[in-house]
All heavy atoms as atom14 arrays in JSON, in Angstrom:
{
  "sequence": "QITVCNEFIRESSDAKIAARGFTGAEATDI",
  "atom14_mask": [
    [1, 1, 1, 1, 1, 1, 1, 1, 1, 0, 0, 0, 0, 0],
    [1, 1, 1, 1, 1, 1, 1, 1, 0, 0, 0, 0, 0, 0],
    [1, 1, 1, 1, 1, 1, 1, 0, 0, 0, 0, 0, 0, 0],
    [1, 1, 1, 1, 1, 1, 1, 0, 0, 0, 0, 0, 0, 0],
    [1, 1, 1, 1, 1, 1, 0, 0, 0, 0, 0, 0, 0, 0],
    [1, 1, 1, 1, 1, 1, 1, 1, 0, 0, 0, 0, 0, 0],
    [1, 1, 1, 1, 1, 1, 1, 1, 1, 0, 0, 0, 0, 0],
    [1, 1, 1, 1, 1, 1, 1, 1, 1, 1, 1, 0, 0, 0],
    [1, 1, 1, 1, 1, 1, 1, 1, 0, 0, 0, 0, 0, 0],
    [1, 1, 1, 1, 1, 1, 1, 1, 1, 1, 1, 0, 0, 0],
    [1, 1, 1, 1, 1, 1, 1, 1, 1, 0, 0, 0, 0, 0],
    [1, 1, 1, 1, 1, 1, 0, 0, 0, 0, 0, 0, 0, 0],
    [1, 1, 1, 1, 1, 1, 0, 0, 0, 0, 0, 0, 0, 0],
    [1, 1, 1, 1, 1, 1, 1, 1, 0, 0, 0, 0, 0, 0],
    [1, 1, 1, 1, 1, 0, 0, 0, 0, 0, 0, 0, 0, 0],
    [1, 1, 1, 1, 1, 1, 1, 1, 1, 0, 0, 0, 0, 0],
    [1, 1, 1, 1, 1, 1, 1, 1, 0, 0, 0, 0, 0, 0],
    [1, 1, 1, 1, 1, 0, 0, 0, 0, 0, 0, 0, 0, 0],
    [1, 1, 1, 1, 1, 0, 0, 0, 0, 0, 0, 0, 0, 0],
    [1, 1, 1, 1, 1, 1, 1, 1, 1, 1, 1, 0, 0, 0],
    [1, 1, 1, 1, 0, 0, 0, 0, 0, 0, 0, 0, 0, 0],
    [1, 1, 1, 1, 1, 1, 1, 1, 1, 1, 1, 0, 0, 0],
    [1, 1, 1, 1, 1, 1, 1, 0, 0, 0, 0, 0, 0, 0],
    [1, 1, 1, 1, 0, 0, 0, 0, 0, 0, 0, 0, 0, 0],
    [1, 1, 1, 1, 1, 0, 0, 0, 0, 0, 0, 0, 0, 0],
    [1, 1, 1, 1, 1, 1, 1, 1, 1, 0, 0, 0, 0, 0],
    [1, 1, 1, 1, 1, 0, 0, 0, 0, 0, 0, 0, 0, 0],
    [1, 1, 1, 1, 1, 1, 1, 0, 0, 0, 0, 0, 0, 0],
    [1, 1, 1, 1, 1, 1, 1, 1, 0, 0, 0, 0, 0, 0],
    [1, 1, 1, 1, 1, 1, 1, 1, 0, 0, 0, 0, 0, 0]
  ],
  "atom14_positions": [
    [[-2.89, 93.74, 15.22], [-2.18, 92.84, 16.15], [-3.12, 91.78, 16.7], [-2.72, 90.62, 16.89], [-1.52, 93.61, 17.31], [-0.63, 92.69, 18.14], [0.23, 93.38, 19.15], [-0.1, 94.44, 19.64], [1.38, 92.79, 19.44], [0.0, 0.0, 0.0], [0.0, 0.0, 0.0], [0.0, 0.0, 0.0], [0.0, 0.0, 0.0], [0.0, 0.0, 0.0]],
    [[-4.35, 92.14, 16.94], [-5.34, 91.15, 17.38], [-5.51, 90.07, 16.31], [-5.58, 88.88, 16.63], [-6.68, 91.84, 17.68], [-6.55, 92.68, 19.0], [-7.82, 90.83, 17.79], [-7.71, 93.6, 19.24], [0.0, 0.0, 0.0], [0.0, 0.0, 0.0], [0.0, 0.0, 0.0], [0.0, 0.0, 0.0], [0.0, 0.0, 0.0], [0.0, 0.0, 0.0]],
    [[-5.54, 90.47, 15.06], [-5.65, 89.52, 13.96], [-4.47, 88.54, 13.94], [-4.64, 87.32, 13.8], [-5.71, 90.25, 12.6], [-6.85, 91.09, 12.59], [-5.8, 89.3, 11.43], [0.0, 0.0, 0.0], [0.0, 0.0, 0.0], [0.0, 0.0, 0.0], [0.0, 0.0, 0.0], [0.0, 0.0, 0.0], [0.0, 0.0, 0.0], [0.0, 0.0, 0.0]],
    [[-3.27, 89.09, 14.08], [-2.07, 88.25, 14.09], [-2.08, 87.31, 15.31], [-1.73, 86.14, 15.19], [-0.8, 89.13, 14.08], [0.44, 88.28, 14.17], [-0.77, 89.99, 12.82], [0.0, 0.0, 0.0], [0.0, 0.0, 0.0], [0.0, 0.0, 0.0], [0.0, 0.0, 0.0], [0.0, 0.0, 0.0], [0.0, 0.0, 0.0], [0.0, 0.0, 0.0]],
    [[-2.52, 87.86, 16.45], [-2.63, 87.01, 17.64], [-3.63, 85.87, 17.42], [-3.36, 84.71, 17.78], [-3.08, 87.84, 18.84], [-1.82, 88.98, 19.48], [0.0, 0.0, 0.0], [0.0, 0.0, 0.0], [0.0, 0.0, 0.0], [0.0, 0.0, 0.0], [0.0, 0.0, 0.0], [0.0, 0.0, 0.0], [0.0, 0.0, 0.0], [0.0, 0.0, 0.0]],
    [[-4.79, 86.2, 16.87], [-5.8, 85.18, 16.63], [-5.27, 84.06, 15.76], [-5.54, 82.88, 16.03], [-7.02, 85.81, 15.97], [-7.91, 86.55, 16.95], [-7.83, 86.34, 18.17], [-8.75, 87.43, 16.42], [0.0, 0.0, 0.0], [0.0, 0.0, 0.0], [0.0, 0.0, 0.0], [0.0, 0.0, 0.0], [0.0, 0.0, 0.0], [0.0, 0.0, 0.0]],
    [[-4.53, 84.41, 14.74], [-3.99, 83.39, 13.85], [-3.01, 82.49, 14.6], [-3.07, 81.25, 14.48], [-3.28, 84.06, 12.65], [-2.49, 83.11, 11.76], [-3.37, 82.05, 11.08], [-4.6, 82.22, 11.03], [-2.8, 81.05, 10.62], [0.0, 0.0, 0.0], [0.0, 0.0, 0.0], [0.0, 0.0, 0.0], [0.0, 0.0, 0.0], [0.0, 0.0, 0.0]],
    [[-2.14, 83.08, 15.39], [-1.18, 82.29, 16.15], [-1.89, 81.41, 17.18], [-1.56, 80.23, 17.35], [-0.17, 83.18, 16.87], [0.93, 82.42, 17.55], [2.1, 82.13, 16.87], [0.78, 81.98, 18.86], [3.1, 81.38, 17.48], [1.79, 81.24, 19.47], [2.96, 80.95, 18.77], [0.0, 0.0, 0.0], [0.0, 0.0, 0.0], [0.0, 0.0, 0.0]],
    [[-2.87, 81.94, 17.87], [-3.6, 81.19, 18.88], [-4.32, 80.01, 18.24], [-4.35, 78.89, 18.78], [-4.6, 82.13, 19.6], [-3.81, 83.17, 20.42], [-5.53, 81.34, 20.52], [-4.65, 84.35, 20.86], [0.0, 0.0, 0.0], [0.0, 0.0, 0.0], [0.0, 0.0, 0.0], [0.0, 0.0, 0.0], [0.0, 0.0, 0.0], [0.0, 0.0, 0.0]],
    [[-4.89, 80.26, 17.08], [-5.6, 79.18, 16.37], [-4.64, 78.04, 15.99], [-4.99, 76.87, 16.08], [-6.25, 79.77, 15.12], [-7.13, 78.81, 14.33], [-7.73, 79.49, 13.11], [-8.67, 80.55, 13.48], [-8.48, 81.85, 13.29], [-7.36, 82.27, 12.71], [-9.38, 82.74, 13.64], [0.0, 0.0, 0.0], [0.0, 0.0, 0.0], [0.0, 0.0, 0.0]],
    [[-3.44, 78.42, 15.58], [-2.48, 77.42, 15.12], [-1.72, 76.73, 16.27], [-0.92, 75.83, 16.01], [-1.48, 78.08, 14.15], [-2.08, 78.54, 12.84], [-2.54, 77.37, 11.96], [-2.08, 76.23, 12.19], [-3.37, 77.6, 11.06], [0.0, 0.0, 0.0], [0.0, 0.0, 0.0], [0.0, 0.0, 0.0], [0.0, 0.0, 0.0], [0.0, 0.0, 0.0]],
    [[-1.95, 77.19, 17.49], [-1.22, 76.6, 18.62], [-2.15, 75.98, 19.64], [-1.82, 75.87, 20.82], [-0.33, 77.66, 19.28], [-1.11, 78.8, 19.65], [0.0, 0.0, 0.0], [0.0, 0.0, 0.0], [0.0, 0.0, 0.0], [0.0, 0.0, 0.0], [0.0, 0.0, 0.0], [0.0, 0.0, 0.0], [0.0, 0.0, 0.0], [0.0, 0.0, 0.0]],
    [[-3.33, 75.58, 19.19], [-4.23, 74.87, 20.08], [-3.65, 73.52, 20.49], [-2.74, 72.99, 19.83], [-5.58, 74.65, 19.39], [-5.42, 73.75, 18.3], [0.0, 0.0, 0.0], [0.0, 0.0, 0.0], [0.0, 0.0, 0.0], [0.0, 0.0, 0.0], [0.0, 0.0, 0.0], [0.0, 0.0, 0.0], [0.0, 0.0, 0.0], [0.0, 0.0, 0.0]],
    [[-4.17, 72.96, 21.56], [-3.68, 71.65, 21.99], [-3.83, 70.61, 20.89], [-2.94, 69.76, 20.68], [-4.46, 71.19, 23.23], [-4.08, 71.98, 24.47], [-3.05, 72.67, 24.45], [-4.82, 71.89, 25.47], [0.0, 0.0, 0.0], [0.0, 0.0, 0.0], [0.0, 0.0, 0.0], [0.0, 0.0, 0.0], [0.0, 0.0, 0.0], [0.0, 0.0, 0.0]],
    [[-4.94, 70.69, 20.16], [-5.18, 69.72, 19.09], [-4.11, 69.82, 17.98], [-3.61, 68.81, 17.49], [-6.57, 69.9, 18.5], [0.0, 0.0, 0.0], [0.0, 0.0, 0.0], [0.0, 0.0, 0.0], [0.0, 0.0, 0.0], [0.0, 0.0, 0.0], [0.0, 0.0, 0.0], [0.0, 0.0, 0.0], [0.0, 0.0, 0.0], [0.0, 0.0, 0.0]],
    [[-3.78, 71.06, 17.6], [-2.8, 71.24, 16.52], [-1.4, 70.9, 16.99], [-0.57, 70.37, 16.23], [-2.88, 72.65, 15.98], [-4.18, 72.93, 15.24], [-4.0, 73.89, 14.09], [-5.28, 73.95, 13.24], [-5.15, 74.79, 12.04], [0.0, 0.0, 0.0], [0.0, 0.0, 0.0], [0.0, 0.0, 0.0], [0.0, 0.0, 0.0], [0.0, 0.0, 0.0]],
    [[-1.09, 71.2, 18.24], [0.21, 70.83, 18.78], [0.38, 69.31, 18.74], [1.42, 68.78, 18.31], [0.38, 71.35, 20.23], [0.46, 72.88, 20.24], [1.65, 70.77, 20.87], [0.43, 73.48, 21.62], [0.0, 0.0, 0.0], [0.0, 0.0, 0.0], [0.0, 0.0, 0.0], [0.0, 0.0, 0.0], [0.0, 0.0, 0.0], [0.0, 0.0, 0.0]],
    [[-0.67, 68.59, 19.15], [-0.61, 67.13, 19.14], [-0.56, 66.57, 17.72], [0.21, 65.64, 17.42], [-1.81, 66.57, 19.9], [0.0, 0.0, 0.0], [0.0, 0.0, 0.0], [0.0, 0.0, 0.0], [0.0, 0.0, 0.0], [0.0, 0.0, 0.0], [0.0, 0.0, 0.0], [0.0, 0.0, 0.0], [0.0, 0.0, 0.0], [0.0, 0.0, 0.0]],
    [[-1.39, 67.15, 16.83], [-1.45, 66.65, 15.45], [-0.12, 66.85, 14.74], [0.23, 66.06, 13.84], [-2.55, 67.39, 14.69], [0.0, 0.0, 0.0], [0.0, 0.0, 0.0], [0.0, 0.0, 0.0], [0.0, 0.0, 0.0], [0.0, 0.0, 0.0], [0.0, 0.0, 0.0], [0.0, 0.0, 0.0], [0.0, 0.0, 0.0], [0.0, 0.0, 0.0]],
    [[0.65, 67.86, 15.12], [1.92, 68.12, 14.47], [3.08, 67.39, 15.18], [4.23, 67.55, 14.79], [2.18, 69.61, 14.42], [1.26, 70.32, 13.44], [1.29, 71.83, 13.56], [0.43, 72.42, 12.52], [-0.19, 73.59, 12.62], [-0.08, 74.3, 13.73], [-0.96, 74.03, 11.65], [0.0, 0.0, 0.0], [0.0, 0.0, 0.0], [0.0, 0.0, 0.0]],
    [[2.74, 66.59, 16.16], [3.71, 65.7, 16.77], [4.6, 66.31, 17.82], [5.64, 65.73, 18.17], [0.0, 0.0, 0.0], [0.0, 0.0, 0.0], [0.0, 0.0, 0.0], [0.0, 0.0, 0.0], [0.0, 0.0, 0.0], [0.0, 0.0, 0.0], [0.0, 0.0, 0.0], [0.0, 0.0, 0.0], [0.0, 0.0, 0.0], [0.0, 0.0, 0.0]],
    [[4.23, 67.45, 18.35], [5.06, 68.08, 19.38], [4.74, 67.47, 20.75], [3.58, 67.3, 21.13], [4.81, 69.59, 19.44], [5.25, 70.32, 18.2], [4.31, 70.78, 17.28], [6.6, 70.54, 17.94], [4.7, 71.43, 16.13], [7.0, 71.21, 16.8], [6.06, 71.66, 15.89], [0.0, 0.0, 0.0], [0.0, 0.0, 0.0], [0.0, 0.0, 0.0]],
    [[5.76, 67.16, 21.48], [5.62, 66.61, 22.82], [6.69, 67.23, 23.72], [7.59, 67.93, 23.27], [5.79, 65.07, 22.83], [7.1, 64.75, 22.32], [4.71, 64.39, 21.99], [0.0, 0.0, 0.0], [0.0, 0.0, 0.0], [0.0, 0.0, 0.0], [0.0, 0.0, 0.0], [0.0, 0.0, 0.0], [0.0, 0.0, 0.0], [0.0, 0.0, 0.0]],
    [[6.59, 66.93, 25.0], [7.62, 67.31, 25.96], [7.88, 68.81, 26.02], [6.94, 69.63, 25.99], [0.0, 0.0, 0.0], [0.0, 0.0, 0.0], [0.0, 0.0, 0.0], [0.0, 0.0, 0.0], [0.0, 0.0, 0.0], [0.0, 0.0, 0.0], [0.0, 0.0, 0.0], [0.0, 0.0, 0.0], [0.0, 0.0, 0.0], [0.0, 0.0, 0.0]],
    [[9.15, 69.17, 26.08], [9.54, 70.57, 26.22], [9.06, 71.45, 25.08], [8.68, 72.6, 25.27], [11.06, 70.66, 26.38], [0.0, 0.0, 0.0], [0.0, 0.0, 0.0], [0.0, 0.0, 0.0], [0.0, 0.0, 0.0], [0.0, 0.0, 0.0], [0.0, 0.0, 0.0], [0.0, 0.0, 0.0], [0.0, 0.0, 0.0], [0.0, 0.0, 0.0]],
    [[9.08, 70.89, 23.85], [8.62, 71.68, 22.71], [7.15, 72.02, 22.83], [6.75, 73.17, 22.59], [8.89, 70.93, 21.39], [10.36, 70.88, 21.0], [10.57, 70.24, 19.66], [9.69, 69.48, 19.2], [11.63, 70.54, 19.03], [0.0, 0.0, 0.0], [0.0, 0.0, 0.0], [0.0, 0.0, 0.0], [0.0, 0.0, 0.0], [0.0, 0.0, 0.0]],
    [[6.34, 71.08, 23.2], [4.91, 71.32, 23.38], [4.69, 72.34, 24.49], [3.82, 73.22, 24.37], [4.17, 70.02, 23.67], [0.0, 0.0, 0.0], [0.0, 0.0, 0.0], [0.0, 0.0, 0.0], [0.0, 0.0, 0.0], [0.0, 0.0, 0.0], [0.0, 0.0, 0.0], [0.0, 0.0, 0.0], [0.0, 0.0, 0.0], [0.0, 0.0, 0.0]],
    [[5.42, 72.21, 25.56], [5.29, 73.15, 26.67], [5.65, 74.56, 26.25], [4.95, 75.52, 26.58], [6.18, 72.72, 27.85], [5.77, 71.42, 28.29], [6.09, 73.71, 29.0], [0.0, 0.0, 0.0], [0.0, 0.0, 0.0], [0.0, 0.0, 0.0], [0.0, 0.0, 0.0], [0.0, 0.0, 0.0], [0.0, 0.0, 0.0], [0.0, 0.0, 0.0]],
    [[6.73, 74.7, 25.48], [7.15, 76.02, 25.02], [6.07, 76.64, 24.13], [5.76, 77.84, 24.26], [8.44, 75.91, 24.22], [9.66, 75.71, 25.1], [9.55, 75.92, 26.34], [10.73, 75.31, 24.57], [0.0, 0.0, 0.0], [0.0, 0.0, 0.0], [0.0, 0.0, 0.0], [0.0, 0.0, 0.0], [0.0, 0.0, 0.0], [0.0, 0.0, 0.0]],
    [[5.5, 75.85, 23.26], [4.46, 76.39, 22.35], [3.24, 76.84, 23.14], [2.61, 77.86, 22.82], [4.09, 75.33, 21.28], [5.29, 75.09, 20.37], [2.9, 75.81, 20.46], [5.13, 73.89, 19.45], [0.0, 0.0, 0.0], [0.0, 0.0, 0.0], [0.0, 0.0, 0.0], [0.0, 0.0, 0.0], [0.0, 0.0, 0.0], [0.0, 0.0, 0.0]]
  ]
}
């Protein structure tokens, strides 16, 4: 579970959220 968490955390960094174009409520939810 730690491994799965690490992968999700890595993919949901501020940089990746911005690079994938998420803003507003979607970015906040992520």
